[in-house]
Amino acid sequence: MNRNYWDMRRDNTIGADDYFHCKANYEATQRGPTGERTAEKLGNAKEDFDFWYNQAWKGMSPLAASKDKMHDREVNKIGRQQAKSGLYKNSREGCNLFRVRDINDKY
């Protein structure tokens, strides 16, 4: 998950957040049940923090911060589900629905 965060920061592509969220959860789930549970717990904790941070530091309304939190949790869940489906060779394929045009091809 940490690697995907730093890949996202290096890539610096607007709108790519969902792709990297999905990819991190996909890859963690591929490591087995412990990886899946860890991804879910860490992801939920991060979104709970972001809910507060988005209001306190980014000036988002509680409603907007809540919508952002729920959206990110849903994307994380999709990443875990794609990994468990067995339909994809890797996280790039499994999360392709979230790729945006300008993401570097190495991701």
N, C-alpha and C. Protein backbone atom coordinates (compact mmCIF):
# COMPACT_ATOMS: atom_id res chain seq x y z
N MET A 1 0.83 -1.19 0.00
CA MET A 1 0.00 0.00 0.00
C MET A 1 0.88 1.25 0.00
N ASN A 2 1.92 1.21 0.77
CA ASN A 2 2.83 2.34 0.85
C ASN A 2 3.47 2.63 -0.51
N ARG A 3 3.88 1.56 -1.22
CA ARG A 3 4.49 1.74 -2.54
C ARG A 3 3.52 2.42 -3.49
N ASN A 4 2.26 2.01 -3.47
CA ASN A 4 1.27 2.62 -4.36
C ASN A 4 1.05 4.10 -4.02
N TYR A 5 1.11 4.43 -2.74
CA TYR A 5 0.98 5.84 -2.35
C TYR A 5 2.10 6.66 -2.97
N TRP A 6 3.33 6.15 -2.85
CA TRP A 6 4.47 6.91 -3.39
C TRP A 6 4.48 6.90 -4.91
N ASP A 7 4.00 5.80 -5.52
CA ASP A 7 3.86 5.79 -6.99
C ASP A 7 2.88 6.88 -7.42
N MET A 8 1.78 7.01 -6.69
CA MET A 8 0.78 8.02 -7.01
C MET A 8 1.38 9.42 -6.89
N ARG A 9 2.15 9.65 -5.84
CA ARG A 9 2.77 10.95 -5.64
C ARG A 9 3.77 11.26 -6.76
N ARG A 10 4.57 10.25 -7.14
CA ARG A 10 5.54 10.45 -8.22
C ARG A 10 4.84 10.70 -9.55
N ASP A 11 3.78 9.94 -9.81
CA ASP A 11 3.07 10.07 -11.07
C ASP A 11 2.41 11.44 -11.18
N ASN A 12 1.84 11.93 -10.08
CA ASN A 12 1.29 13.27 -9.99
C ASN A 12 0.28 13.57 -11.11
N THR A 13 -0.57 12.60 -11.42
CA THR A 13 -1.58 12.78 -12.45
C THR A 13 -2.91 13.13 -11.80
N ILE A 14 -3.51 14.21 -12.22
CA ILE A 14 -4.80 14.63 -11.69
C ILE A 14 -5.84 13.57 -12.01
N GLY A 15 -6.60 13.17 -11.00
CA GLY A 15 -7.68 12.20 -11.18
C GLY A 15 -7.26 10.76 -11.05
N ALA A 16 -6.00 10.49 -10.73
CA ALA A 16 -5.51 9.11 -10.66
C ALA A 16 -5.67 8.47 -9.28
N ASP A 17 -6.18 9.21 -8.32
CA ASP A 17 -6.31 8.72 -6.95
C ASP A 17 -7.07 7.39 -6.88
N ASP A 18 -8.19 7.29 -7.58
CA ASP A 18 -8.99 6.07 -7.53
C ASP A 18 -8.21 4.86 -8.05
N TYR A 19 -7.45 5.05 -9.10
CA TYR A 19 -6.67 3.95 -9.66
C TYR A 19 -5.68 3.42 -8.63
N PHE A 20 -4.97 4.31 -7.96
CA PHE A 20 -3.97 3.86 -6.99
C PHE A 20 -4.61 3.29 -5.73
N HIS A 21 -5.78 3.79 -5.34
CA HIS A 21 -6.51 3.19 -4.22
C HIS A 21 -6.87 1.75 -4.58
N CYS A 22 -7.45 1.57 -5.74
CA CYS A 22 -7.86 0.24 -6.20
C CYS A 22 -6.66 -0.70 -6.26
N LYS A 23 -5.60 -0.22 -6.87
CA LYS A 23 -4.40 -1.03 -7.07
C LYS A 23 -3.79 -1.48 -5.73
N ALA A 24 -3.71 -0.60 -4.77
CA ALA A 24 -3.16 -0.95 -3.46
C ALA A 24 -3.99 -2.02 -2.78
N ASN A 25 -5.30 -1.89 -2.84
CA ASN A 25 -6.18 -2.88 -2.22
C ASN A 25 -6.16 -4.21 -2.96
N TYR A 26 -6.07 -4.14 -4.28
CA TYR A 26 -5.95 -5.36 -5.08
C TYR A 26 -4.70 -6.14 -4.67
N GLU A 27 -3.58 -5.45 -4.65
CA GLU A 27 -2.30 -6.11 -4.36
C GLU A 27 -2.25 -6.65 -2.94
N ALA A 28 -2.81 -5.93 -1.99
CA ALA A 28 -2.84 -6.42 -0.61
C ALA A 28 -3.70 -7.68 -0.51
N THR A 29 -4.82 -7.69 -1.20
CA THR A 29 -5.72 -8.84 -1.17
C THR A 29 -5.08 -10.05 -1.83
N GLN A 30 -4.27 -9.83 -2.84
CA GLN A 30 -3.57 -10.94 -3.49
C GLN A 30 -2.63 -11.66 -2.54
N ARG A 31 -2.26 -11.03 -1.45
CA ARG A 31 -1.36 -11.64 -0.47
C ARG A 31 -2.11 -12.58 0.48
N GLY A 32 -3.43 -12.65 0.35
CA GLY A 32 -4.20 -13.57 1.17
C GLY A 32 -5.14 -12.86 2.13
N PRO A 33 -5.85 -13.66 2.95
CA PRO A 33 -6.85 -13.09 3.86
C PRO A 33 -6.29 -12.05 4.83
N THR A 34 -5.07 -12.26 5.30
CA THR A 34 -4.49 -11.27 6.21
C THR A 34 -4.22 -9.96 5.49
N GLY A 35 -3.74 -10.03 4.26
CA GLY A 35 -3.52 -8.83 3.47
C GLY A 35 -4.81 -8.10 3.18
N GLU A 36 -5.86 -8.86 2.89
CA GLU A 36 -7.16 -8.24 2.63
C GLU A 36 -7.69 -7.52 3.87
N ARG A 37 -7.64 -8.19 5.01
CA ARG A 37 -8.13 -7.58 6.25
C ARG A 37 -7.30 -6.34 6.61
N THR A 38 -6.00 -6.44 6.43
CA THR A 38 -5.12 -5.31 6.74
C THR A 38 -5.44 -4.13 5.83
N ALA A 39 -5.63 -4.40 4.55
CA ALA A 39 -5.97 -3.33 3.60
C ALA A 39 -7.29 -2.67 3.99
N GLU A 40 -8.26 -3.46 4.37
CA GLU A 40 -9.55 -2.89 4.75
C GLU A 40 -9.43 -2.03 6.01
N LYS A 41 -8.75 -2.53 7.01
CA LYS A 41 -8.60 -1.78 8.26
C LYS A 41 -7.77 -0.50 8.06
N LEU A 42 -6.65 -0.62 7.37
CA LEU A 42 -5.82 0.57 7.13
C LEU A 42 -6.56 1.59 6.25
N GLY A 43 -7.24 1.09 5.23
CA GLY A 43 -7.98 1.98 4.34
C GLY A 43 -9.08 2.72 5.07
N ASN A 44 -9.81 2.00 5.92
CA ASN A 44 -10.89 2.64 6.68
C ASN A 44 -10.32 3.68 7.65
N ALA A 45 -9.21 3.34 8.31
CA ALA A 45 -8.59 4.29 9.25
C ALA A 45 -8.13 5.54 8.51
N LYS A 46 -7.54 5.35 7.31
CA LYS A 46 -7.08 6.51 6.54
C LYS A 46 -8.26 7.38 6.13
N GLU A 47 -9.35 6.76 5.71
CA GLU A 47 -10.51 7.55 5.29
C GLU A 47 -11.16 8.25 6.47
N ASP A 48 -11.13 7.64 7.65
CA ASP A 48 -11.65 8.32 8.84
C ASP A 48 -10.80 9.55 9.15
N PHE A 49 -9.49 9.41 9.04
CA PHE A 49 -8.60 10.57 9.25
C PHE A 49 -8.86 11.64 8.19
N ASP A 50 -8.95 11.22 6.92
CA ASP A 50 -9.18 12.17 5.84
C ASP A 50 -10.50 12.92 6.01
N PHE A 51 -11.51 12.25 6.56
CA PHE A 51 -12.81 12.90 6.81
C PHE A 51 -12.60 14.12 7.70
N TRP A 52 -11.83 13.96 8.76
CA TRP A 52 -11.52 15.07 9.67
C TRP A 52 -10.62 16.09 8.96
N TYR A 53 -9.55 15.61 8.34
CA TYR A 53 -8.56 16.47 7.69
C TYR A 53 -9.21 17.34 6.60
N ASN A 54 -10.08 16.73 5.80
CA ASN A 54 -10.71 17.46 4.70
C ASN A 54 -11.57 18.62 5.21
N GLN A 55 -12.14 18.45 6.39
CA GLN A 55 -12.94 19.53 6.96
C GLN A 55 -12.05 20.58 7.63
N ALA A 56 -11.10 20.10 8.44
CA ALA A 56 -10.28 21.02 9.23
C ALA A 56 -9.28 21.79 8.40
N TRP A 57 -8.69 21.16 7.40
CA TRP A 57 -7.59 21.79 6.66
C TRP A 57 -7.92 22.13 5.21
N LYS A 58 -8.86 21.42 4.62
CA LYS A 58 -9.20 21.71 3.23
C LYS A 58 -10.50 22.50 3.09
N GLY A 59 -11.17 22.71 4.22
CA GLY A 59 -12.38 23.52 4.20
C GLY A 59 -13.60 22.84 3.59
N MET A 60 -13.59 21.53 3.52
CA MET A 60 -14.74 20.83 2.97
C MET A 60 -15.88 20.81 3.99
N SER A 61 -17.09 20.82 3.50
CA SER A 61 -18.24 20.69 4.39
C SER A 61 -18.29 19.25 4.91
N PRO A 62 -18.97 19.01 6.03
CA PRO A 62 -19.12 17.64 6.51
C PRO A 62 -19.74 16.70 5.45
N LEU A 63 -20.70 17.21 4.70
CA LEU A 63 -21.34 16.40 3.67
C LEU A 63 -20.35 16.03 2.57
N ALA A 64 -19.58 17.01 2.09
CA ALA A 64 -18.60 16.75 1.03
C ALA A 64 -17.51 15.79 1.53
N ALA A 65 -17.06 15.99 2.76
CA ALA A 65 -16.04 15.10 3.34
C ALA A 65 -16.57 13.69 3.49
N SER A 66 -17.83 13.57 3.86
CA SER A 66 -18.46 12.25 4.00
C SER A 66 -18.59 11.55 2.65
N LYS A 67 -18.99 12.30 1.64
CA LYS A 67 -19.10 11.73 0.29
C LYS A 67 -17.73 11.25 -0.21
N ASP A 68 -16.70 12.04 0.04
CA ASP A 68 -15.34 11.66 -0.35
C ASP A 68 -14.92 10.37 0.36
N LYS A 69 -15.18 10.30 1.63
CA LYS A 69 -14.84 9.13 2.44
C LYS A 69 -15.55 7.88 1.90
N MET A 70 -16.84 7.98 1.65
CA MET A 70 -17.60 6.83 1.17
C MET A 70 -17.15 6.42 -0.24
N HIS A 71 -16.84 7.39 -1.07
CA HIS A 71 -16.36 7.09 -2.42
C HIS A 71 -15.04 6.31 -2.36
N ASP A 72 -14.10 6.81 -1.56
CA ASP A 72 -12.79 6.15 -1.46
C ASP A 72 -12.93 4.75 -0.88
N ARG A 73 -13.80 4.58 0.10
CA ARG A 73 -14.02 3.24 0.66
C ARG A 73 -14.60 2.29 -0.38
N GLU A 74 -15.47 2.80 -1.23
CA GLU A 74 -16.05 1.96 -2.28
C GLU A 74 -14.98 1.55 -3.30
N VAL A 75 -14.13 2.47 -3.68
CA VAL A 75 -13.05 2.16 -4.62
C VAL A 75 -12.11 1.12 -4.00
N ASN A 76 -11.79 1.27 -2.72
CA ASN A 76 -10.95 0.29 -2.03
C ASN A 76 -11.59 -1.09 -2.07
N LYS A 77 -12.89 -1.13 -1.81
CA LYS A 77 -13.64 -2.39 -1.82
C LYS A 77 -13.61 -3.03 -3.21
N ILE A 78 -13.77 -2.23 -4.23
CA ILE A 78 -13.72 -2.75 -5.61
C ILE A 78 -12.36 -3.37 -5.88
N GLY A 79 -11.29 -2.73 -5.44
CA GLY A 79 -9.96 -3.29 -5.62
C GLY A 79 -9.84 -4.67 -4.98
N ARG A 80 -10.36 -4.81 -3.76
CA ARG A 80 -10.31 -6.11 -3.08
C ARG A 80 -11.17 -7.15 -3.81
N GLN A 81 -12.33 -6.73 -4.26
CA GLN A 81 -13.22 -7.66 -4.98
C GLN A 81 -12.62 -8.10 -6.32
N GLN A 82 -11.99 -7.17 -7.03
CA GLN A 82 -11.37 -7.52 -8.31
C GLN A 82 -10.28 -8.56 -8.09
N ALA A 83 -9.52 -8.42 -7.02
CA ALA A 83 -8.44 -9.38 -6.74
C ALA A 83 -9.01 -10.77 -6.45
N LYS A 84 -10.09 -10.82 -5.72
CA LYS A 84 -10.68 -12.11 -5.34
C LYS A 84 -11.45 -12.76 -6.49
N SER A 85 -11.80 -11.98 -7.51
CA SER A 85 -12.61 -12.51 -8.61
C SER A 85 -11.87 -13.56 -9.44
N GLY A 86 -10.55 -13.45 -9.50
CA GLY A 86 -9.77 -14.36 -10.32
C GLY A 86 -9.86 -14.08 -11.82
N LEU A 87 -10.43 -12.96 -12.19
CA LEU A 87 -10.63 -12.63 -13.61
C LEU A 87 -9.46 -11.86 -14.23
N TYR A 88 -8.54 -11.40 -13.40
CA TYR A 88 -7.49 -10.51 -13.89
C TYR A 88 -6.11 -11.08 -13.61
N LYS A 89 -5.16 -10.77 -14.50
CA LYS A 89 -3.79 -11.24 -14.32
C LYS A 89 -3.03 -10.45 -13.27
N ASN A 90 -3.39 -9.17 -13.12
CA ASN A 90 -2.65 -8.31 -12.21
C ASN A 90 -3.49 -7.09 -11.83
N SER A 91 -2.94 -6.28 -10.94
CA SER A 91 -3.68 -5.11 -10.43
C SER A 91 -3.94 -4.07 -11.52
N ARG A 92 -3.04 -3.98 -12.48
CA ARG A 92 -3.27 -3.01 -13.56
C ARG A 92 -4.53 -3.38 -14.35
N GLU A 93 -4.68 -4.64 -14.67
CA GLU A 93 -5.88 -5.09 -15.38
C GLU A 93 -7.12 -4.95 -14.51
N GLY A 94 -6.99 -5.37 -13.25
CA GLY A 94 -8.13 -5.36 -12.34
C GLY A 94 -8.65 -3.96 -12.03
N CYS A 95 -7.78 -2.99 -12.11
CA CYS A 95 -8.16 -1.61 -11.77
C CYS A 95 -8.20 -0.70 -12.99
N ASN A 96 -8.16 -1.28 -14.16
CA ASN A 96 -8.13 -0.52 -15.40
C ASN A 96 -9.31 0.44 -15.53
N LEU A 97 -10.46 0.09 -14.95
CA LEU A 97 -11.63 0.96 -15.05
C LEU A 97 -11.39 2.32 -14.39
N PHE A 98 -10.37 2.43 -13.54
CA PHE A 98 -10.06 3.69 -12.87
C PHE A 98 -8.88 4.44 -13.48
N ARG A 99 -8.25 3.86 -14.50
CA ARG A 99 -7.10 4.54 -15.12
C ARG A 99 -7.57 5.80 -15.83
N VAL A 100 -6.78 6.84 -15.71
CA VAL A 100 -7.04 8.06 -16.46
C VAL A 100 -5.98 8.18 -17.55
N ARG A 101 -6.25 8.97 -18.54
CA ARG A 101 -5.43 9.03 -19.74
C ARG A 101 -3.95 9.31 -19.48
N ASP A 102 -3.64 10.19 -18.57
CA ASP A 102 -2.25 10.65 -18.45
C ASP A 102 -1.40 9.87 -17.46
N ILE A 103 -1.91 8.76 -16.88
CA ILE A 103 -1.08 7.97 -15.97
C ILE A 103 0.10 7.40 -16.74
N ASN A 104 1.25 7.46 -16.12
CA ASN A 104 2.47 6.89 -16.70
C ASN A 104 2.24 5.39 -16.98
N ASP A 105 2.67 4.91 -18.12
CA ASP A 105 2.47 3.51 -18.51
C ASP A 105 3.14 2.52 -17.57
N LYS A 106 4.15 2.95 -16.81
CA LYS A 106 4.81 2.01 -15.91
C LYS A 106 3.91 1.60 -14.74
N TYR A 107 2.80 2.33 -14.52
CA TYR A 107 1.86 1.97 -13.48
C TYR A 107 0.68 1.26 -14.10
